[in-house]
Amino acid sequence: MTFTGFPVAALDFYDDLEVDNTRAFWEKHKDVYAEAVKAPMTALCDALVPEFAPDGQTAKIFRPYRDVRFAKDKTPYKTHQGAFVRVGEATGWYVEVSPRGVRTGAGFYEASGPRLAAFRAAVAHDRFGPELEKILKALRKKDFEIGGDRLKTSPRGYDADHPRIELLRHRSLTAGHQLGFEPVIHTPDLLDLVRDDWRALRPLVEWVAAHTSV
Protein backbone atom coordinates (compact mmCIF):
# COMPACT_ATOMS: atom_id res chain seq x y z
CA MET A 1 0.00 0.00 0.00
CA THR A 2 1.34 3.45 -0.94
CA PHE A 3 1.26 6.13 1.77
CA THR A 4 -1.10 8.95 0.80
CA GLY A 5 -1.36 10.78 4.13
CA PHE A 6 -3.63 10.51 7.15
CA PRO A 7 -7.21 11.37 6.18
CA VAL A 8 -9.19 13.91 8.16
CA ALA A 9 -11.24 10.93 9.37
CA ALA A 10 -8.26 9.77 11.44
CA LEU A 11 -8.20 12.95 13.53
CA ASP A 12 -12.00 13.00 13.75
CA PHE A 13 -11.94 9.40 14.97
CA TYR A 14 -9.62 10.27 17.86
CA ASP A 15 -11.55 13.46 18.66
CA ASP A 16 -14.67 11.34 19.09
CA LEU A 17 -12.83 8.59 20.98
CA GLU A 18 -11.63 11.09 23.57
CA VAL A 19 -15.28 11.95 24.22
CA ASP A 20 -16.66 8.40 24.08
CA ASN A 21 -13.91 5.96 25.03
CA THR A 22 -16.11 2.88 25.24
CA ARG A 23 -16.24 -0.56 23.68
CA ALA A 24 -19.57 0.32 22.09
CA PHE A 25 -18.04 3.28 20.24
CA TRP A 26 -15.00 1.25 19.23
CA GLU A 27 -17.02 -1.63 17.83
CA LYS A 28 -19.17 0.78 15.83
CA HIS A 29 -16.17 2.62 14.36
CA LYS A 30 -13.39 0.00 14.25
CA ASP A 31 -13.53 0.00 10.45
CA VAL A 32 -12.66 3.73 10.53
CA TYR A 33 -9.68 2.94 12.76
CA ALA A 34 -8.53 0.17 10.41
CA GLU A 35 -8.86 2.23 7.22
CA ALA A 36 -8.08 5.79 8.35
CA VAL A 37 -5.51 5.16 11.09
CA LYS A 38 -3.84 1.75 11.05
CA ALA A 39 -3.56 1.29 7.28
CA PRO A 40 -1.88 4.65 6.57
CA MET A 41 0.39 4.30 9.61
CA THR A 42 1.50 0.90 8.35
CA ALA A 43 2.10 2.30 4.86
CA LEU A 44 4.09 5.22 6.29
CA CYS A 45 6.32 2.90 8.31
CA ASP A 46 6.76 0.50 5.42
CA ALA A 47 8.16 3.39 3.40
CA LEU A 48 10.57 4.40 6.20
CA VAL A 49 11.82 1.00 7.33
CA PRO A 50 14.31 0.42 4.46
CA GLU A 51 16.32 3.48 5.52
CA PHE A 52 15.96 3.46 9.29
CA ALA A 53 15.54 -0.13 10.48
CA PRO A 54 18.40 -2.60 10.80
CA ASP A 55 18.30 -5.47 8.34
CA GLY A 56 15.34 -7.74 8.99
CA GLN A 57 13.62 -5.38 11.42
CA THR A 58 10.10 -4.11 10.91
CA ALA A 59 8.20 -1.25 12.49
CA LYS A 60 6.11 -1.91 15.58
CA ILE A 61 2.58 -0.55 15.17
CA PHE A 62 1.36 -0.28 18.73
CA ARG A 63 -1.87 -1.96 19.76
CA PRO A 64 -4.81 0.40 20.33
CA TYR A 65 -5.73 -1.15 23.68
CA ARG A 66 -4.60 0.32 26.99
CA ASP A 67 -3.17 -1.84 29.77
CA VAL A 68 -5.53 -0.88 32.58
CA ARG A 69 -4.56 -3.58 35.10
CA PHE A 70 -2.79 -1.16 37.44
CA ALA A 71 -4.17 2.14 36.14
CA LYS A 72 -6.65 4.43 37.85
CA ASP A 73 -7.91 5.45 34.40
CA LYS A 74 -9.84 2.43 33.12
CA THR A 75 -10.71 3.78 29.67
CA PRO A 76 -9.96 0.87 27.35
CA TYR A 77 -8.48 2.51 24.23
CA LYS A 78 -5.49 4.73 23.48
CA THR A 79 -6.39 8.09 22.01
CA HIS A 80 -3.40 8.05 19.67
CA GLN A 81 -1.69 5.62 17.31
CA GLY A 82 2.04 5.29 17.64
CA ALA A 83 4.66 3.36 15.70
CA PHE A 84 8.26 2.62 16.58
CA VAL A 85 11.30 1.56 14.57
CA ARG A 86 13.76 -0.14 16.90
CA VAL A 87 17.53 0.05 16.50
CA GLY A 88 18.49 -1.04 20.01
CA GLU A 89 17.07 -1.86 23.41
CA ALA A 90 14.21 0.62 23.95
CA THR A 91 15.93 2.87 21.39
CA GLY A 92 14.79 4.11 17.99
CA TRP A 93 12.45 6.38 16.04
CA TYR A 94 8.80 7.17 16.73
CA VAL A 95 5.81 8.65 14.90
CA GLU A 96 2.29 9.26 16.20
CA VAL A 97 -1.10 10.49 15.05
CA SER A 98 -3.63 11.79 17.58
CA PRO A 99 -6.27 14.51 17.99
CA ARG A 100 -3.33 16.94 18.13
CA GLY A 101 -2.10 15.90 14.70
CA VAL A 102 1.18 14.17 13.88
CA ARG A 103 4.28 14.05 16.06
CA THR A 104 7.73 12.63 15.39
CA GLY A 105 10.42 11.64 17.84
CA ALA A 106 13.39 9.48 18.72
CA GLY A 107 15.66 8.51 21.59
CA PHE A 108 15.43 5.91 24.33
CA TYR A 109 12.38 5.46 26.51
CA GLU A 110 13.75 3.17 29.20
CA ALA A 111 17.12 2.23 30.63
CA SER A 112 17.69 0.41 33.87
CA GLY A 113 20.63 -1.20 35.61
CA PRO A 114 23.74 -1.54 33.43
CA ARG A 115 22.29 0.43 30.48
CA LEU A 116 21.46 3.41 32.67
CA ALA A 117 24.92 3.26 34.24
CA ALA A 118 26.50 3.17 30.77
CA PHE A 119 24.43 6.18 29.67
CA ARG A 120 25.50 8.21 32.69
CA ALA A 121 29.14 7.24 32.28
CA ALA A 122 29.00 8.47 28.68
CA VAL A 123 27.31 11.73 29.71
CA ALA A 124 30.02 12.32 32.32
CA HIS A 125 32.81 11.50 29.82
CA ASP A 126 34.93 14.48 28.76
CA ARG A 127 34.37 13.79 25.05
CA PHE A 128 31.12 11.83 24.78
CA GLY A 129 29.17 14.13 27.12
CA PRO A 130 29.90 17.32 25.13
CA GLU A 131 29.06 15.41 21.93
CA LEU A 132 25.56 14.74 23.30
CA GLU A 133 25.16 18.35 24.42
CA LYS A 134 26.05 19.49 20.89
CA ILE A 135 23.52 17.07 19.36
CA LEU A 136 20.73 18.28 21.65
CA LYS A 137 21.59 21.94 21.05
CA ALA A 138 21.30 21.40 17.29
CA LEU A 139 17.95 19.64 17.71
CA ARG A 140 16.55 22.47 19.84
CA LYS A 141 17.49 24.92 17.09
CA LYS A 142 15.36 22.81 14.73
CA ASP A 143 12.37 23.09 17.12
CA PHE A 144 12.68 19.65 18.67
CA GLU A 145 11.60 19.46 22.30
CA ILE A 146 13.95 17.49 24.55
CA GLY A 147 12.21 15.33 27.12
CA GLY A 148 12.39 12.15 29.13
CA ASP A 149 11.92 10.84 32.64
CA ARG A 150 14.31 12.48 35.11
CA LEU A 151 15.35 12.16 38.72
CA LYS A 152 14.54 15.14 40.92
CA THR A 153 17.85 14.74 42.72
CA SER A 154 21.39 13.96 41.59
CA PRO A 155 22.08 10.32 40.71
CA ARG A 156 24.22 8.43 43.17
CA GLY A 157 27.91 8.94 42.54
CA TYR A 158 27.59 12.30 40.76
CA ASP A 159 28.03 15.72 42.32
CA ALA A 160 25.19 18.22 42.12
CA ASP A 161 27.57 20.75 40.56
CA HIS A 162 28.59 18.47 37.68
CA PRO A 163 28.50 20.55 34.46
CA ARG A 164 26.07 18.05 32.88
CA ILE A 165 24.03 17.24 35.96
CA GLU A 166 20.71 17.92 34.18
CA LEU A 167 21.52 15.27 31.57
CA LEU A 168 22.78 12.89 34.26
CA ARG A 169 19.37 13.02 35.90
CA HIS A 170 17.72 11.51 32.84
CA ARG A 171 16.40 7.95 33.04
CA SER A 172 15.17 8.26 29.48
CA LEU A 173 15.97 10.80 26.79
CA THR A 174 13.80 11.76 23.83
CA ALA A 175 13.47 14.51 21.25
CA GLY A 176 10.07 15.25 19.74
CA HIS A 177 8.66 17.50 17.05
CA GLN A 178 4.98 18.40 16.73
CA LEU A 179 3.81 18.70 13.12
CA GLY A 180 0.30 19.38 14.34
CA PHE A 181 -2.64 19.95 12.01
CA GLU A 182 -0.73 21.24 9.02
CA PRO A 183 -2.63 20.31 5.83
CA VAL A 184 0.42 18.38 4.65
CA ILE A 185 -0.34 15.57 7.12
CA HIS A 186 -3.26 14.62 4.87
CA THR A 187 -0.99 14.27 1.83
CA PRO A 188 1.81 11.97 0.63
CA ASP A 189 4.27 14.80 1.41
CA LEU A 190 4.02 13.90 5.10
CA LEU A 191 6.38 11.01 4.36
CA ASP A 192 9.14 13.46 3.45
CA LEU A 193 8.58 15.49 6.63
CA VAL A 194 8.80 12.43 8.86
CA ARG A 195 11.85 11.20 6.97
CA ASP A 196 13.55 14.59 7.35
CA ASP A 197 12.81 14.65 11.08
CA TRP A 198 14.14 11.14 11.57
CA ARG A 199 17.29 12.01 9.63
CA ALA A 200 17.78 15.04 11.88
CA LEU A 201 17.36 12.73 14.88
CA ARG A 202 19.86 10.16 13.62
CA PRO A 203 22.83 11.61 15.59
CA LEU A 204 20.86 11.25 18.83
CA VAL A 205 19.79 7.68 18.04
CA GLU A 206 23.31 6.69 17.04
CA TRP A 207 24.83 8.29 20.15
CA VAL A 208 22.39 6.47 22.43
CA ALA A 209 22.86 3.15 20.62
CA ALA A 210 26.63 3.47 20.82
CA HIS A 211 26.77 4.33 24.51
CA THR A 212 23.99 2.27 26.11
CA SER A 213 24.60 -1.17 24.60
CA VAL A 214 26.04 -3.46 27.28
C-alpha atoms as a PDB file:
ATOM      1  CA  MET A   1       0.000   0.000   0.000  1.00  0.00           C
ATOM      2  CA  THR A   2       1.338   3.447  -0.943  1.00  0.00           C
ATOM      3  CA  PHE A   3       1.264   6.126   1.765  1.00  0.00           C
ATOM      4  CA  THR A   4      -1.095   8.955   0.797  1.00  0.00           C
ATOM      5  CA  GLY A   5      -1.362  10.781   4.135  1.00  0.00           C
ATOM      6  CA  PHE A   6      -3.626  10.505   7.151  1.00  0.00           C
ATOM      7  CA  PRO A   7      -7.207  11.373   6.177  1.00  0.00           C
ATOM      8  CA  VAL A   8      -9.192  13.909   8.164  1.00  0.00           C
ATOM      9  CA  ALA A   9     -11.244  10.933   9.367  1.00  0.00           C
ATOM     10  CA  ALA A  10      -8.257   9.768  11.442  1.00  0.00           C
ATOM     11  CA  LEU A  11      -8.202  12.948  13.527  1.00  0.00           C
ATOM     12  CA  ASP A  12     -11.998  13.001  13.748  1.00  0.00           C
ATOM     13  CA  PHE A  13     -11.943   9.400  14.970  1.00  0.00           C
ATOM     14  CA  TYR A  14      -9.622  10.273  17.861  1.00  0.00           C
ATOM     15  CA  ASP A  15     -11.549  13.459  18.664  1.00  0.00           C
ATOM     16  CA  ASP A  16     -14.668  11.337  19.092  1.00  0.00           C
ATOM     17  CA  LEU A  17     -12.832   8.593  20.977  1.00  0.00           C
ATOM     18  CA  GLU A  18     -11.627  11.092  23.574  1.00  0.00           C
ATOM     19  CA  VAL A  19     -15.275  11.953  24.222  1.00  0.00           C
ATOM     20  CA  ASP A  20     -16.658   8.398  24.083  1.00  0.00           C
ATOM     21  CA  ASN A  21     -13.908   5.962  25.034  1.00  0.00           C
ATOM     22  CA  THR A  22     -16.109   2.884  25.235  1.00  0.00           C
ATOM     23  CA  ARG A  23     -16.236  -0.556  23.681  1.00  0.00           C
ATOM     24  CA  ALA A  24     -19.567   0.324  22.085  1.00  0.00           C
ATOM     25  CA  PHE A  25     -18.040   3.282  20.245  1.00  0.00           C
ATOM     26  CA  TRP A  26     -15.002   1.246  19.225  1.00  0.00           C
ATOM     27  CA  GLU A  27     -17.024  -1.629  17.832  1.00  0.00           C
ATOM     28  CA  LYS A  28     -19.169   0.783  15.834  1.00  0.00           C
ATOM     29  CA  HIS A  29     -16.168   2.616  14.359  1.00  0.00           C
ATOM     30  CA  LYS A  30     -13.390   0.003  14.246  1.00  0.00           C
ATOM     31  CA  ASP A  31     -13.528   0.003  10.450  1.00  0.00           C
ATOM     32  CA  VAL A  32     -12.656   3.728  10.533  1.00  0.00           C
ATOM     33  CA  TYR A  33      -9.680   2.938  12.761  1.00  0.00           C
ATOM     34  CA  ALA A  34      -8.532   0.172  10.409  1.00  0.00           C
ATOM     35  CA  GLU A  35      -8.860   2.226   7.217  1.00  0.00           C
ATOM     36  CA  ALA A  36      -8.079   5.789   8.351  1.00  0.00           C
ATOM     37  CA  VAL A  37      -5.509   5.158  11.093  1.00  0.00           C
ATOM     38  CA  LYS A  38      -3.841   1.747  11.051  1.00  0.00           C
ATOM     39  CA  ALA A  39      -3.563   1.292   7.284  1.00  0.00           C
ATOM     40  CA  PRO A  40      -1.878   4.652   6.565  1.00  0.00           C
ATOM     41  CA  MET A  41       0.387   4.298   9.614  1.00  0.00           C
ATOM     42  CA  THR A  42       1.498   0.901   8.350  1.00  0.00           C
ATOM     43  CA  ALA A  43       2.102   2.299   4.860  1.00  0.00           C
ATOM     44  CA  LEU A  44       4.090   5.219   6.294  1.00  0.00           C
ATOM     45  CA  CYS A  45       6.319   2.896   8.307  1.00  0.00           C
ATOM     46  CA  ASP A  46       6.762   0.495   5.416  1.00  0.00           C
ATOM     47  CA  ALA A  47       8.163   3.392   3.399  1.00  0.00           C
ATOM     48  CA  LEU A  48      10.571   4.399   6.197  1.00  0.00           C
ATOM     49  CA  VAL A  49      11.824   0.998   7.331  1.00  0.00           C
ATOM     50  CA  PRO A  50      14.313   0.420   4.459  1.00  0.00           C
ATOM     51  CA  GLU A  51      16.315   3.484   5.516  1.00  0.00           C
ATOM     52  CA  PHE A  52      15.956   3.461   9.288  1.00  0.00           C
ATOM     53  CA  ALA A  53      15.541  -0.129  10.480  1.00  0.00           C
ATOM     54  CA  PRO A  54      18.402  -2.597  10.803  1.00  0.00           C
ATOM     55  CA  ASP A  55      18.300  -5.472   8.338  1.00  0.00           C
ATOM     56  CA  GLY A  56      15.343  -7.742   8.989  1.00  0.00           C
ATOM     57  CA  GLN A  57      13.622  -5.380  11.422  1.00  0.00           C
ATOM     58  CA  THR A  58      10.098  -4.109  10.909  1.00  0.00           C
ATOM     59  CA  ALA A  59       8.204  -1.245  12.491  1.00  0.00           C
ATOM     60  CA  LYS A  60       6.109  -1.907  15.575  1.00  0.00           C
ATOM     61  CA  ILE A  61       2.579  -0.554  15.168  1.00  0.00           C
ATOM     62  CA  PHE A  62       1.362  -0.275  18.733  1.00  0.00           C
ATOM     63  CA  ARG A  63      -1.866  -1.964  19.764  1.00  0.00           C
ATOM     64  CA  PRO A  64      -4.809   0.402  20.328  1.00  0.00           C
ATOM     65  CA  TYR A  65      -5.728  -1.153  23.678  1.00  0.00           C
ATOM     66  CA  ARG A  66      -4.602   0.323  26.990  1.00  0.00           C
ATOM     67  CA  ASP A  67      -3.174  -1.836  29.767  1.00  0.00           C
ATOM     68  CA  VAL A  68      -5.530  -0.883  32.582  1.00  0.00           C
ATOM     69  CA  ARG A  69      -4.561  -3.582  35.095  1.00  0.00           C
ATOM     70  CA  PHE A  70      -2.791  -1.159  37.443  1.00  0.00           C
ATOM     71  CA  ALA A  71      -4.169   2.142  36.139  1.00  0.00           C
ATOM     72  CA  LYS A  72      -6.654   4.428  37.847  1.00  0.00           C
ATOM     73  CA  ASP A  73      -7.907   5.449  34.401  1.00  0.00           C
ATOM     74  CA  LYS A  74      -9.842   2.427  33.124  1.00  0.00           C
ATOM     75  CA  THR A  75     -10.713   3.777  29.669  1.00  0.00           C
ATOM     76  CA  PRO A  76      -9.958   0.865  27.348  1.00  0.00           C
ATOM     77  CA  TYR A  77      -8.482   2.512  24.232  1.00  0.00           C
ATOM     78  CA  LYS A  78      -5.489   4.726  23.485  1.00  0.00           C
ATOM     79  CA  THR A  79      -6.392   8.086  22.009  1.00  0.00           C
ATOM     80  CA  HIS A  80      -3.403   8.052  19.665  1.00  0.00           C
ATOM     81  CA  GLN A  81      -1.692   5.625  17.306  1.00  0.00           C
ATOM     82  CA  GLY A  82       2.038   5.287  17.643  1.00  0.00           C
ATOM     83  CA  ALA A  83       4.657   3.364  15.701  1.00  0.00           C
ATOM     84  CA  PHE A  84       8.264   2.616  16.580  1.00  0.00           C
ATOM     85  CA  VAL A  85      11.300   1.555  14.570  1.00  0.00           C
ATOM     86  CA  ARG A  86      13.761  -0.137  16.897  1.00  0.00           C
ATOM     87  CA  VAL A  87      17.526   0.046  16.495  1.00  0.00           C
ATOM     88  CA  GLY A  88      18.493  -1.041  20.008  1.00  0.00           C
ATOM     89  CA  GLU A  89      17.072  -1.863  23.408  1.00  0.00           C
ATOM     90  CA  ALA A  90      14.205   0.622  23.946  1.00  0.00           C
ATOM     91  CA  THR A  91      15.935   2.871  21.389  1.00  0.00           C
ATOM     92  CA  GLY A  92      14.792   4.107  17.992  1.00  0.00           C
ATOM     93  CA  TRP A  93      12.452   6.375  16.039  1.00  0.00           C
ATOM     94  CA  TYR A  94       8.795   7.167  16.735  1.00  0.00           C
ATOM     95  CA  VAL A  95       5.811   8.649  14.901  1.00  0.00           C
ATOM     96  CA  GLU A  96       2.295   9.262  16.202  1.00  0.00           C
ATOM     97  CA  VAL A  97      -1.101  10.488  15.045  1.00  0.00           C
ATOM     98  CA  SER A  98      -3.628  11.787  17.581  1.00  0.00           C
ATOM     99  CA  PRO A  99      -6.269  14.515  17.989  1.00  0.00           C
ATOM    100  CA  ARG A 100      -3.333  16.940  18.128  1.00  0.00           C
ATOM    101  CA  GLY A 101      -2.100  15.903  14.701  1.00  0.00           C
ATOM    102  CA  VAL A 102       1.178  14.169  13.880  1.00  0.00           C
ATOM    103  CA  ARG A 103       4.277  14.050  16.057  1.00  0.00           C
ATOM    104  CA  THR A 104       7.728  12.631  15.389  1.00  0.00           C
ATOM    105  CA  GLY A 105      10.419  11.642  17.842  1.00  0.00           C
ATOM    106  CA  ALA A 106      13.390   9.476  18.722  1.00  0.00           C
ATOM    107  CA  GLY A 107      15.657   8.510  21.593  1.00  0.00           C
ATOM    108  CA  PHE A 108      15.432   5.910  24.329  1.00  0.00           C
ATOM    109  CA  TYR A 109      12.375   5.460  26.510  1.00  0.00           C
ATOM    110  CA  GLU A 110      13.749   3.169  29.196  1.00  0.00           C
ATOM    111  CA  ALA A 111      17.124   2.232  30.633  1.00  0.00           C
ATOM    112  CA  SER A 112      17.693   0.409  33.866  1.00  0.00           C
ATOM    113  CA  GLY A 113      20.628  -1.199  35.609  1.00  0.00           C
ATOM    114  CA  PRO A 114      23.740  -1.540  33.426  1.00  0.00           C
ATOM    115  CA  ARG A 115      22.291   0.427  30.478  1.00  0.00           C
ATOM    116  CA  LEU A 116      21.465   3.413  32.669  1.00  0.00           C
ATOM    117  CA  ALA A 117      24.924   3.260  34.243  1.00  0.00           C
ATOM    118  CA  ALA A 118      26.497   3.174  30.768  1.00  0.00           C
ATOM    119  CA  PHE A 119      24.430   6.185  29.670  1.00  0.00           C
ATOM    120  CA  ARG A 120      25.500   8.211  32.694  1.00  0.00           C
ATOM    121  CA  ALA A 121      29.143   7.237  32.279  1.00  0.00           C
ATOM    122  CA  ALA A 122      29.004   8.473  28.677  1.00  0.00           C
ATOM    123  CA  VAL A 123      27.307  11.730  29.714  1.00  0.00           C
ATOM    124  CA  ALA A 124      30.023  12.319  32.317  1.00  0.00           C
ATOM    125  CA  HIS A 125      32.812  11.496  29.824  1.00  0.00           C
ATOM    126  CA  ASP A 126      34.927  14.484  28.763  1.00  0.00           C
ATOM    127  CA  ARG A 127      34.373  13.793  25.047  1.00  0.00           C
ATOM    128  CA  PHE A 128      31.122  11.829  24.781  1.00  0.00           C
ATOM    129  CA  GLY A 129      29.170  14.132  27.117  1.00  0.00           C
ATOM    130  CA  PRO A 130      29.899  17.315  25.129  1.00  0.00           C
ATOM    131  CA  GLU A 131      29.057  15.408  21.930  1.00  0.00           C
ATOM    132  CA  LEU A 132      25.564  14.736  23.301  1.00  0.00           C
ATOM    133  CA  GLU A 133      25.157  18.354  24.415  1.00  0.00           C
ATOM    134  CA  LYS A 134      26.050  19.491  20.889  1.00  0.00           C
ATOM    135  CA  ILE A 135      23.516  17.073  19.363  1.00  0.00           C
ATOM    136  CA  LEU A 136      20.732  18.275  21.655  1.00  0.00           C
ATOM    137  CA  LYS A 137      21.590  21.938  21.047  1.00  0.00           C
ATOM    138  CA  ALA A 138      21.302  21.397  17.287  1.00  0.00           C
ATOM    139  CA  LEU A 139      17.949  19.643  17.710  1.00  0.00           C
ATOM    140  CA  ARG A 140      16.553  22.466  19.840  1.00  0.00           C
ATOM    141  CA  LYS A 141      17.494  24.918  17.088  1.00  0.00           C
ATOM    142  CA  LYS A 142      15.362  22.806  14.726  1.00  0.00           C
ATOM    143  CA  ASP A 143      12.372  23.094  17.123  1.00  0.00           C
ATOM    144  CA  PHE A 144      12.683  19.651  18.673  1.00  0.00           C
ATOM    145  CA  GLU A 145      11.599  19.455  22.297  1.00  0.00           C
ATOM    146  CA  ILE A 146      13.950  17.492  24.552  1.00  0.00           C
ATOM    147  CA  GLY A 147      12.212  15.334  27.117  1.00  0.00           C
ATOM    148  CA  GLY A 148      12.386  12.150  29.127  1.00  0.00           C
ATOM    149  CA  ASP A 149      11.925  10.842  32.639  1.00  0.00           C
ATOM    150  CA  ARG A 150      14.311  12.475  35.106  1.00  0.00           C
ATOM    151  CA  LEU A 151      15.347  12.160  38.722  1.00  0.00           C
ATOM    152  CA  LYS A 152      14.542  15.141  40.919  1.00  0.00           C
ATOM    153  CA  THR A 153      17.854  14.735  42.717  1.00  0.00           C
ATOM    154  CA  SER A 154      21.386  13.958  41.590  1.00  0.00           C
ATOM    155  CA  PRO A 155      22.075  10.318  40.714  1.00  0.00           C
ATOM    156  CA  ARG A 156      24.218   8.427  43.169  1.00  0.00           C
ATOM    157  CA  GLY A 157      27.914   8.943  42.538  1.00  0.00           C
ATOM    158  CA  TYR A 158      27.595  12.297  40.757  1.00  0.00           C
ATOM    159  CA  ASP A 159      28.026  15.725  42.324  1.00  0.00           C
ATOM    160  CA  ALA A 160      25.185  18.220  42.124  1.00  0.00           C
ATOM    161  CA  ASP A 161      27.570  20.748  40.558  1.00  0.00           C
ATOM    162  CA  HIS A 162      28.589  18.473  37.679  1.00  0.00           C
ATOM    163  CA  PRO A 163      28.504  20.551  34.455  1.00  0.00           C
ATOM    164  CA  ARG A 164      26.066  18.052  32.880  1.00  0.00           C
ATOM    165  CA  ILE A 165      24.026  17.243  35.962  1.00  0.00           C
ATOM    166  CA  GLU A 166      20.715  17.924  34.175  1.00  0.00           C
ATOM    167  CA  LEU A 167      21.524  15.268  31.569  1.00  0.00           C
ATOM    168  CA  LEU A 168      22.780  12.888  34.257  1.00  0.00           C
ATOM    169  CA  ARG A 169      19.371  13.016  35.903  1.00  0.00           C
ATOM    170  CA  HIS A 170      17.722  11.511  32.835  1.00  0.00           C
ATOM    171  CA  ARG A 171      16.402   7.949  33.041  1.00  0.00           C
ATOM    172  CA  SER A 172      15.168   8.264  29.478  1.00  0.00           C
ATOM    173  CA  LEU A 173      15.969  10.803  26.791  1.00  0.00           C
ATOM    174  CA  THR A 174      13.804  11.763  23.832  1.00  0.00           C
ATOM    175  CA  ALA A 175      13.472  14.508  21.253  1.00  0.00           C
ATOM    176  CA  GLY A 176      10.073  15.248  19.738  1.00  0.00           C
ATOM    177  CA  HIS A 177       8.659  17.502  17.049  1.00  0.00           C
ATOM    178  CA  GLN A 178       4.984  18.398  16.735  1.00  0.00           C
ATOM    179  CA  LEU A 179       3.810  18.701  13.119  1.00  0.00           C
ATOM    180  CA  GLY A 180       0.295  19.376  14.338  1.00  0.00           C
ATOM    181  CA  PHE A 181      -2.639  19.947  12.013  1.00  0.00           C
ATOM    182  CA  GLU A 182      -0.728  21.244   9.019  1.00  0.00           C
ATOM    183  CA  PRO A 183      -2.634  20.310   5.832  1.00  0.00           C
ATOM    184  CA  VAL A 184       0.421  18.381   4.649  1.00  0.00           C
ATOM    185  CA  ILE A 185      -0.342  15.568   7.118  1.00  0.00           C
ATOM    186  CA  HIS A 186      -3.260  14.617   4.869  1.00  0.00           C
ATOM    187  CA  THR A 187      -0.992  14.271   1.834  1.00  0.00           C
ATOM    188  CA  PRO A 188       1.811  11.972   0.628  1.00  0.00           C
ATOM    189  CA  ASP A 189       4.266  14.798   1.409  1.00  0.00           C
ATOM    190  CA  LEU A 190       4.023  13.897   5.096  1.00  0.00           C
ATOM    191  CA  LEU A 191       6.378  11.005   4.360  1.00  0.00           C
ATOM    192  CA  ASP A 192       9.137  13.463   3.450  1.00  0.00           C
ATOM    193  CA  LEU A 193       8.583  15.491   6.629  1.00  0.00           C
ATOM    194  CA  VAL A 194       8.796  12.428   8.865  1.00  0.00           C
ATOM    195  CA  ARG A 195      11.850  11.196   6.965  1.00  0.00           C
ATOM    196  CA  ASP A 196      13.546  14.594   7.354  1.00  0.00           C
ATOM    197  CA  ASP A 197      12.809  14.652  11.085  1.00  0.00           C
ATOM    198  CA  TRP A 198      14.142  11.135  11.567  1.00  0.00           C
ATOM    199  CA  ARG A 199      17.286  12.009   9.631  1.00  0.00           C
ATOM    200  CA  ALA A 200      17.775  15.041  11.878  1.00  0.00           C
ATOM    201  CA  LEU A 201      17.361  12.730  14.882  1.00  0.00           C
ATOM    202  CA  ARG A 202      19.857  10.161  13.623  1.00  0.00           C
ATOM    203  CA  PRO A 203      22.834  11.613  15.587  1.00  0.00           C
ATOM    204  CA  LEU A 204      20.856  11.246  18.833  1.00  0.00           C
ATOM    205  CA  VAL A 205      19.794   7.679  18.044  1.00  0.00           C
ATOM    206  CA  GLU A 206      23.306   6.690  17.044  1.00  0.00           C
ATOM    207  CA  TRP A 207      24.826   8.294  20.149  1.00  0.00           C
ATOM    208  CA  VAL A 208      22.389   6.465  22.429  1.00  0.00           C
ATOM    209  CA  ALA A 209      22.857   3.146  20.617  1.00  0.00           C
ATOM    210  CA  ALA A 210      26.634   3.472  20.825  1.00  0.00           C
ATOM    211  CA  HIS A 211      26.770   4.334  24.510  1.00  0.00           C
ATOM    212  CA  THR A 212      23.995   2.269  26.107  1.00  0.00           C
ATOM    213  CA  SER A 213      24.603  -1.169  24.603  1.00  0.00           C
ATOM    214  CA  VAL A 214      26.043  -3.464  27.278  1.00  0.00           C
END
